[in-house]
Amino acid sequence: MINKLQEIQQSIKEFSDRLTPTNLKIAYKAKMTNYEMKLCHEISEDKQLQLEYVLSKMAHFKETSDYRLYNKDFANFV
């Protein structure tokens, strides 16, 4: 249990170290949760895309009716 918690803490630290002020501005303006930011990070690594690009796509997605009304999955949007 302690090892799992340490792994989670380490992954959060690594993720936060990679964020630039521009990335944080995009996430803040879009009112992204930590989960949404982590999801963007995973998508950017999986699809070999820039994190800033994926964050801006998430910000745009959160403004659409797919997100607001239907809570559709963002992974299919990118």
PDB file of N, CA and C in Angstrom:
ATOM      1  N   MET A   1       0.828  -1.199   0.000  1.00  0.00           N
ATOM      2  CA  MET A   1       0.000   0.000   0.000  1.00  0.00           C
ATOM      3  C   MET A   1       0.869   1.259   0.000  1.00  0.00           C
ATOM      4  N   ILE A   2       1.905   1.265   0.824  1.00  0.00           N
ATOM      5  CA  ILE A   2       2.785   2.428   0.891  1.00  0.00           C
ATOM      6  C   ILE A   2       3.543   2.599  -0.417  1.00  0.00           C
ATOM      7  N   ASN A   3       3.975   1.492  -1.026  1.00  0.00           N
ATOM      8  CA  ASN A   3       4.690   1.573  -2.303  1.00  0.00           C
ATOM      9  C   ASN A   3       3.807   2.147  -3.393  1.00  0.00           C
ATOM     10  N   LYS A   4       2.539   1.743  -3.410  1.00  0.00           N
ATOM     11  CA  LYS A   4       1.594   2.247  -4.409  1.00  0.00           C
ATOM     12  C   LYS A   4       1.406   3.747  -4.228  1.00  0.00           C
ATOM     13  N   LEU A   5       1.286   4.193  -2.989  1.00  0.00           N
ATOM     14  CA  LEU A   5       1.135   5.619  -2.714  1.00  0.00           C
ATOM     15  C   LEU A   5       2.375   6.397  -3.150  1.00  0.00           C
ATOM     16  N   GLN A   6       3.544   5.837  -2.912  1.00  0.00           N
ATOM     17  CA  GLN A   6       4.782   6.481  -3.334  1.00  0.00           C
ATOM     18  C   GLN A   6       4.878   6.558  -4.856  1.00  0.00           C
ATOM     19  N   GLU A   7       4.414   5.533  -5.546  1.00  0.00           N
ATOM     20  CA  GLU A   7       4.404   5.540  -7.008  1.00  0.00           C
ATOM     21  C   GLU A   7       3.489   6.652  -7.531  1.00  0.00           C
ATOM     22  N   ILE A   8       2.333   6.774  -6.918  1.00  0.00           N
ATOM     23  CA  ILE A   8       1.376   7.811  -7.335  1.00  0.00           C
ATOM     24  C   ILE A   8       1.962   9.195  -7.086  1.00  0.00           C
ATOM     25  N   GLN A   9       2.564   9.398  -5.923  1.00  0.00           N
ATOM     26  CA  GLN A   9       3.183  10.681  -5.612  1.00  0.00           C
ATOM     27  C   GLN A   9       4.305  11.006  -6.588  1.00  0.00           C
ATOM     28  N   GLN A  10       5.085  10.008  -6.939  1.00  0.00           N
ATOM     29  CA  GLN A  10       6.190  10.212  -7.878  1.00  0.00           C
ATOM     30  C   GLN A  10       5.671  10.578  -9.269  1.00  0.00           C
ATOM     31  N   SER A  11       4.615   9.901  -9.724  1.00  0.00           N
ATOM     32  CA  SER A  11       4.076  10.207 -11.052  1.00  0.00           C
ATOM     33  C   SER A  11       3.465  11.599 -11.088  1.00  0.00           C
ATOM     34  N   ILE A  12       2.822  12.019  -9.992  1.00  0.00           N
ATOM     35  CA  ILE A  12       2.265  13.376  -9.931  1.00  0.00           C
ATOM     36  C   ILE A  12       3.378  14.412  -9.954  1.00  0.00           C
ATOM     37  N   LYS A  13       4.452  14.143  -9.237  1.00  0.00           N
ATOM     38  CA  LYS A  13       5.583  15.073  -9.219  1.00  0.00           C
ATOM     39  C   LYS A  13       6.222  15.186 -10.600  1.00  0.00           C
ATOM     40  N   GLU A  14       6.420  14.058 -11.265  1.00  0.00           N
ATOM     41  CA  GLU A  14       7.005  14.082 -12.607  1.00  0.00           C
ATOM     42  C   GLU A  14       6.107  14.851 -13.572  1.00  0.00           C
ATOM     43  N   PHE A  15       4.798  14.637 -13.464  1.00  0.00           N
ATOM     44  CA  PHE A  15       3.853  15.325 -14.335  1.00  0.00           C
ATOM     45  C   PHE A  15       3.885  16.830 -14.081  1.00  0.00           C
ATOM     46  N   SER A  16       3.881  17.230 -12.824  1.00  0.00           N
ATOM     47  CA  SER A  16       3.862  18.660 -12.509  1.00  0.00           C
ATOM     48  C   SER A  16       5.164  19.340 -12.910  1.00  0.00           C
ATOM     49  N   ASP A  17       6.265  18.605 -12.891  1.00  0.00           N
ATOM     50  CA  ASP A  17       7.546  19.180 -13.309  1.00  0.00           C
ATOM     51  C   ASP A  17       7.574  19.469 -14.808  1.00  0.00           C
ATOM     52  N   ARG A  18       6.794  18.753 -15.577  1.00  0.00           N
ATOM     53  CA  ARG A  18       6.779  18.922 -17.039  1.00  0.00           C
ATOM     54  C   ARG A  18       5.882  20.077 -17.503  1.00  0.00           C
ATOM     55  N   LEU A  19       5.007  20.561 -16.620  1.00  0.00           N
ATOM     56  CA  LEU A  19       4.087  21.623 -17.013  1.00  0.00           C
ATOM     57  C   LEU A  19       4.806  22.962 -17.088  1.00  0.00           C
ATOM     58  N   THR A  20       4.538  23.685 -18.155  1.00  0.00           N
ATOM     59  CA  THR A  20       5.104  25.020 -18.316  1.00  0.00           C
ATOM     60  C   THR A  20       4.053  26.044 -17.876  1.00  0.00           C
ATOM     61  N   PRO A  21       4.452  27.282 -17.673  1.00  0.00           N
ATOM     62  CA  PRO A  21       3.460  28.310 -17.323  1.00  0.00           C
ATOM     63  C   PRO A  21       2.355  28.453 -18.365  1.00  0.00           C
ATOM     64  N   THR A  22       2.695  28.277 -19.631  1.00  0.00           N
ATOM     65  CA  THR A  22       1.678  28.343 -20.685  1.00  0.00           C
ATOM     66  C   THR A  22       0.661  27.221 -20.533  1.00  0.00           C
ATOM     67  N   ASN A  23       1.152  26.016 -20.254  1.00  0.00           N
ATOM     68  CA  ASN A  23       0.246  24.877 -20.039  1.00  0.00           C
ATOM     69  C   ASN A  23      -0.678  25.144 -18.858  1.00  0.00           C
ATOM     70  N   LEU A  24      -0.123  25.694 -17.801  1.00  0.00           N
ATOM     71  CA  LEU A  24      -0.924  25.970 -16.610  1.00  0.00           C
ATOM     72  C   LEU A  24      -1.973  27.048 -16.877  1.00  0.00           C
ATOM     73  N   LYS A  25      -1.638  28.041 -17.703  1.00  0.00           N
ATOM     74  CA  LYS A  25      -2.610  29.081 -18.059  1.00  0.00           C
ATOM     75  C   LYS A  25      -3.789  28.478 -18.817  1.00  0.00           C
ATOM     76  N   ILE A  26      -3.479  27.619 -19.778  1.00  0.00           N
ATOM     77  CA  ILE A  26      -4.538  26.982 -20.571  1.00  0.00           C
ATOM     78  C   ILE A  26      -5.445  26.166 -19.655  1.00  0.00           C
ATOM     79  N   ALA A  27      -4.840  25.380 -18.773  1.00  0.00           N
ATOM     80  CA  ALA A  27      -5.614  24.537 -17.863  1.00  0.00           C
ATOM     81  C   ALA A  27      -6.447  25.371 -16.895  1.00  0.00           C
ATOM     82  N   TYR A  28      -5.881  26.460 -16.408  1.00  0.00           N
ATOM     83  CA  TYR A  28      -6.592  27.317 -15.455  1.00  0.00           C
ATOM     84  C   TYR A  28      -7.792  27.991 -16.109  1.00  0.00           C
ATOM     85  N   LYS A  29      -7.593  28.527 -17.318  1.00  0.00           N
ATOM     86  CA  LYS A  29      -8.691  29.209 -18.011  1.00  0.00           C
ATOM     87  C   LYS A  29      -9.832  28.252 -18.337  1.00  0.00           C
ATOM     88  N   ALA A  30      -9.491  26.996 -18.615  1.00  0.00           N
ATOM     89  CA  ALA A  30     -10.513  26.007 -18.955  1.00  0.00           C
ATOM     90  C   ALA A  30     -11.087  25.330 -17.710  1.00  0.00           C
ATOM     91  N   LYS A  31     -10.571  25.701 -16.540  1.00  0.00           N
ATOM     92  CA  LYS A  31     -11.020  25.119 -15.272  1.00  0.00           C
ATOM     93  C   LYS A  31     -10.908  23.595 -15.295  1.00  0.00           C
ATOM     94  N   MET A  32      -9.757  23.119 -15.729  1.00  0.00           N
ATOM     95  CA  MET A  32      -9.518  21.682 -15.814  1.00  0.00           C
ATOM     96  C   MET A  32      -9.231  21.108 -14.429  1.00  0.00           C
ATOM     97  N   THR A  33      -9.706  19.910 -14.241  1.00  0.00           N
ATOM     98  CA  THR A  33      -9.389  19.181 -13.021  1.00  0.00           C
ATOM     99  C   THR A  33      -8.031  18.510 -13.175  1.00  0.00           C
ATOM    100  N   ASN A  34      -7.496  18.038 -12.071  1.00  0.00           N
ATOM    101  CA  ASN A  34      -6.227  17.302 -12.144  1.00  0.00           C
ATOM    102  C   ASN A  34      -6.378  16.063 -13.013  1.00  0.00           C
ATOM    103  N   TYR A  35      -7.536  15.418 -12.922  1.00  0.00           N
ATOM    104  CA  TYR A  35      -7.791  14.232 -13.743  1.00  0.00           C
ATOM    105  C   TYR A  35      -7.736  14.591 -15.228  1.00  0.00           C
ATOM    106  N   GLU A  36      -8.360  15.703 -15.605  1.00  0.00           N
ATOM    107  CA  GLU A  36      -8.363  16.108 -17.015  1.00  0.00           C
ATOM    108  C   GLU A  36      -6.961  16.467 -17.494  1.00  0.00           C
ATOM    109  N   MET A  37      -6.188  17.113 -16.638  1.00  0.00           N
ATOM    110  CA  MET A  37      -4.806  17.443 -17.012  1.00  0.00           C
ATOM    111  C   MET A  37      -3.977  16.175 -17.172  1.00  0.00           C
ATOM    112  N   LYS A  38      -4.160  15.218 -16.283  1.00  0.00           N
ATOM    113  CA  LYS A  38      -3.442  13.944 -16.370  1.00  0.00           C
ATOM    114  C   LYS A  38      -3.860  13.193 -17.634  1.00  0.00           C
ATOM    115  N   LEU A  39      -5.149  13.234 -17.957  1.00  0.00           N
ATOM    116  CA  LEU A  39      -5.640  12.594 -19.172  1.00  0.00           C
ATOM    117  C   LEU A  39      -4.994  13.221 -20.412  1.00  0.00           C
ATOM    118  N   CYS A  40      -4.881  14.528 -20.427  1.00  0.00           N
ATOM    119  CA  CYS A  40      -4.217  15.214 -21.542  1.00  0.00           C
ATOM    120  C   CYS A  40      -2.764  14.786 -21.652  1.00  0.00           C
ATOM    121  N   HIS A  41      -2.121  14.653 -20.520  1.00  0.00           N
ATOM    122  CA  HIS A  41      -0.717  14.229 -20.522  1.00  0.00           C
ATOM    123  C   HIS A  41      -0.584  12.820 -21.092  1.00  0.00           C
ATOM    124  N   GLU A  42      -1.465  11.914 -20.687  1.00  0.00           N
ATOM    125  CA  GLU A  42      -1.408  10.539 -21.190  1.00  0.00           C
ATOM    126  C   GLU A  42      -1.673  10.494 -22.692  1.00  0.00           C
ATOM    127  N   ILE A  43      -2.637  11.279 -23.147  1.00  0.00           N
ATOM    128  CA  ILE A  43      -2.958  11.306 -24.576  1.00  0.00           C
ATOM    129  C   ILE A  43      -1.781  11.865 -25.366  1.00  0.00           C
ATOM    130  N   SER A  44      -1.154  12.909 -24.849  1.00  0.00           N
ATOM    131  CA  SER A  44      -0.026  13.498 -25.576  1.00  0.00           C
ATOM    132  C   SER A  44       1.141  12.524 -25.677  1.00  0.00           C
ATOM    133  N   GLU A  45       1.348  11.728 -24.656  1.00  0.00           N
ATOM    134  CA  GLU A  45       2.416  10.723 -24.723  1.00  0.00           C
ATOM    135  C   GLU A  45       2.047   9.579 -25.663  1.00  0.00           C
ATOM    136  N   ASP A  46       0.805   9.116 -25.585  1.00  0.00           N
ATOM    137  CA  ASP A  46       0.376   7.993 -26.419  1.00  0.00           C
ATOM    138  C   ASP A  46       0.388   8.336 -27.905  1.00  0.00           C
ATOM    139  N   LYS A  47      -0.101   9.525 -28.237  1.00  0.00           N
ATOM    140  CA  LYS A  47      -0.227   9.914 -29.643  1.00  0.00           C
ATOM    141  C   LYS A  47       0.934  10.763 -30.135  1.00  0.00           C
ATOM    142  N   GLN A  48       1.955  10.953 -29.292  1.00  0.00           N
ATOM    143  CA  GLN A  48       3.138  11.729 -29.658  1.00  0.00           C
ATOM    144  C   GLN A  48       2.766  13.144 -30.105  1.00  0.00           C
ATOM    145  N   LEU A  49       1.909  13.805 -29.317  1.00  0.00           N
ATOM    146  CA  LEU A  49       1.500  15.177 -29.596  1.00  0.00           C
ATOM    147  C   LEU A  49       2.056  16.100 -28.526  1.00  0.00           C
ATOM    148  N   GLN A  50       2.160  17.371 -28.848  1.00  0.00           N
ATOM    149  CA  GLN A  50       2.595  18.357 -27.863  1.00  0.00           C
ATOM    150  C   GLN A  50       1.532  18.491 -26.770  1.00  0.00           C
ATOM    151  N   LEU A  51       1.959  18.593 -25.527  1.00  0.00           N
ATOM    152  CA  LEU A  51       1.021  18.719 -24.409  1.00  0.00           C
ATOM    153  C   LEU A  51       0.193  19.987 -24.539  1.00  0.00           C
ATOM    154  N   GLU A  52       0.801  21.060 -24.979  1.00  0.00           N
ATOM    155  CA  GLU A  52       0.079  22.323 -25.140  1.00  0.00           C
ATOM    156  C   GLU A  52      -1.067  22.174 -26.145  1.00  0.00           C
ATOM    157  N   TYR A  53      -0.816  21.446 -27.215  1.00  0.00           N
ATOM    158  CA  TYR A  53      -1.851  21.202 -28.229  1.00  0.00           C
ATOM    159  C   TYR A  53      -3.023  20.420 -27.635  1.00  0.00           C
ATOM    160  N   VAL A  54      -2.722  19.370 -26.876  1.00  0.00           N
ATOM    161  CA  VAL A  54      -3.773  18.535 -26.289  1.00  0.00           C
ATOM    162  C   VAL A  54      -4.546  19.323 -25.227  1.00  0.00           C
ATOM    163  N   LEU A  55      -3.855  20.127 -24.440  1.00  0.00           N
ATOM    164  CA  LEU A  55      -4.543  20.949 -23.438  1.00  0.00           C
ATOM    165  C   LEU A  55      -5.477  21.953 -24.100  1.00  0.00           C
ATOM    166  N   SER A  56      -5.034  22.562 -25.195  1.00  0.00           N
ATOM    167  CA  SER A  56      -5.902  23.516 -25.889  1.00  0.00           C
ATOM    168  C   SER A  56      -7.104  22.815 -26.512  1.00  0.00           C
ATOM    169  N   LYS A  57      -6.903  21.591 -26.984  1.00  0.00           N
ATOM    170  CA  LYS A  57      -8.031  20.812 -27.504  1.00  0.00           C
ATOM    171  C   LYS A  57      -9.029  20.496 -26.392  1.00  0.00           C
ATOM    172  N   MET A  58      -8.507  20.163 -25.208  1.00  0.00           N
ATOM    173  CA  MET A  58      -9.376  19.892 -24.065  1.00  0.00           C
ATOM    174  C   MET A  58     -10.153  21.149 -23.683  1.00  0.00           C
ATOM    175  N   ALA A  59      -9.489  22.296 -23.697  1.00  0.00           N
ATOM    176  CA  ALA A  59     -10.165  23.554 -23.382  1.00  0.00           C
ATOM    177  C   ALA A  59     -11.300  23.805 -24.365  1.00  0.00           C
ATOM    178  N   HIS A  60     -11.041  23.571 -25.642  1.00  0.00           N
ATOM    179  CA  HIS A  60     -12.085  23.729 -26.659  1.00  0.00           C
ATOM    180  C   HIS A  60     -13.199  22.705 -26.452  1.00  0.00           C
ATOM    181  N   PHE A  61     -12.835  21.477 -26.153  1.00  0.00           N
ATOM    182  CA  PHE A  61     -13.815  20.408 -25.945  1.00  0.00           C
ATOM    183  C   PHE A  61     -14.749  20.728 -24.785  1.00  0.00           C
ATOM    184  N   LYS A  62     -14.206  21.328 -23.723  1.00  0.00           N
ATOM    185  CA  LYS A  62     -15.030  21.637 -22.556  1.00  0.00           C
ATOM    186  C   LYS A  62     -16.069  22.709 -22.849  1.00  0.00           C
ATOM    187  N   GLU A  63     -15.890  23.446 -23.930  1.00  0.00           N
ATOM    188  CA  GLU A  63     -16.856  24.465 -24.314  1.00  0.00           C
ATOM    189  C   GLU A  63     -17.953  23.926 -25.219  1.00  0.00           C
ATOM    190  N   THR A  64     -17.805  22.708 -25.694  1.00  0.00           N
ATOM    191  CA  THR A  64     -18.775  22.142 -26.627  1.00  0.00           C
ATOM    192  C   THR A  64     -19.950  21.512 -25.890  1.00  0.00           C
ATOM    193  N   SER A  65     -21.017  21.295 -26.628  1.00  0.00           N
ATOM    194  CA  SER A  65     -22.197  20.652 -26.039  1.00  0.00           C
ATOM    195  C   SER A  65     -21.949  19.178 -25.759  1.00  0.00           C
ATOM    196  N   ASP A  66     -20.999  18.566 -26.479  1.00  0.00           N
ATOM    197  CA  ASP A  66     -20.680  17.163 -26.204  1.00  0.00           C
ATOM    198  C   ASP A  66     -20.227  16.991 -24.766  1.00  0.00           C
ATOM    199  N   TYR A  67     -19.455  17.938 -24.280  1.00  0.00           N
ATOM    200  CA  TYR A  67     -18.970  17.851 -22.905  1.00  0.00           C
ATOM    201  C   TYR A  67     -20.047  18.291 -21.916  1.00  0.00           C
ATOM    202  N   ARG A  68     -20.665  19.425 -22.192  1.00  0.00           N
ATOM    203  CA  ARG A  68     -21.617  20.006 -21.242  1.00  0.00           C
ATOM    204  C   ARG A  68     -22.905  19.195 -21.101  1.00  0.00           C
ATOM    205  N   LEU A  69     -23.440  18.732 -22.210  1.00  0.00           N
ATOM    206  CA  LEU A  69     -24.728  18.044 -22.154  1.00  0.00           C
ATOM    207  C   LEU A  69     -24.603  16.537 -22.056  1.00  0.00           C
ATOM    208  N   TYR A  70     -23.643  15.988 -22.767  1.00  0.00           N
ATOM    209  CA  TYR A  70     -23.591  14.541 -22.900  1.00  0.00           C
ATOM    210  C   TYR A  70     -22.425  13.889 -22.184  1.00  0.00           C
ATOM    211  N   ASN A  71     -21.490  14.695 -21.663  1.00  0.00           N
ATOM    212  CA  ASN A  71     -20.306  14.167 -20.975  1.00  0.00           C
ATOM    213  C   ASN A  71     -19.598  13.093 -21.804  1.00  0.00           C
ATOM    214  N   LYS A  72     -19.436  13.368 -23.081  1.00  0.00           N
ATOM    215  CA  LYS A  72     -18.749  12.417 -23.949  1.00  0.00           C
ATOM    216  C   LYS A  72     -17.271  12.373 -23.621  1.00  0.00           C
ATOM    217  N   ASP A  73     -16.632  11.317 -24.069  1.00  0.00           N
ATOM    218  CA  ASP A  73     -15.228  11.076 -23.749  1.00  0.00           C
ATOM    219  C   ASP A  73     -14.320  11.949 -24.597  1.00  0.00           C
ATOM    220  N   PHE A  74     -13.356  12.594 -23.949  1.00  0.00           N
ATOM    221  CA  PHE A  74     -12.424  13.479 -24.641  1.00  0.00           C
ATOM    222  C   PHE A  74     -11.437  12.714 -25.511  1.00  0.00           C
ATOM    223  N   ALA A  75     -11.086  11.500 -25.137  1.00  0.00           N
ATOM    224  CA  ALA A  75     -10.087  10.727 -25.869  1.00  0.00           C
ATOM    225  C   ALA A  75     -10.493  10.532 -27.333  1.00  0.00           C
ATOM    226  N   ASN A  76     -11.788  10.474 -27.602  1.00  0.00           N
ATOM    227  CA  ASN A  76     -12.260  10.323 -28.981  1.00  0.00           C
ATOM    228  C   ASN A  76     -12.281  11.652 -29.727  1.00  0.00           C
ATOM    229  N   PHE A  77     -12.169  12.742 -28.997  1.00  0.00           N
ATOM    230  CA  PHE A  77     -12.246  14.079 -29.585  1.00  0.00           C
ATOM    231  C   PHE A  77     -10.929  14.501 -30.217  1.00  0.00           C
ATOM    232  N   VAL A  78      -9.817  14.062 -29.660  1.00  0.00           N
ATOM    233  CA  VAL A  78      -8.488  14.501 -30.133  1.00  0.00           C
ATOM    234  C   VAL A  78      -8.174  13.877 -31.464  1.00  0.00           C
TER     235      VAL A  78
END
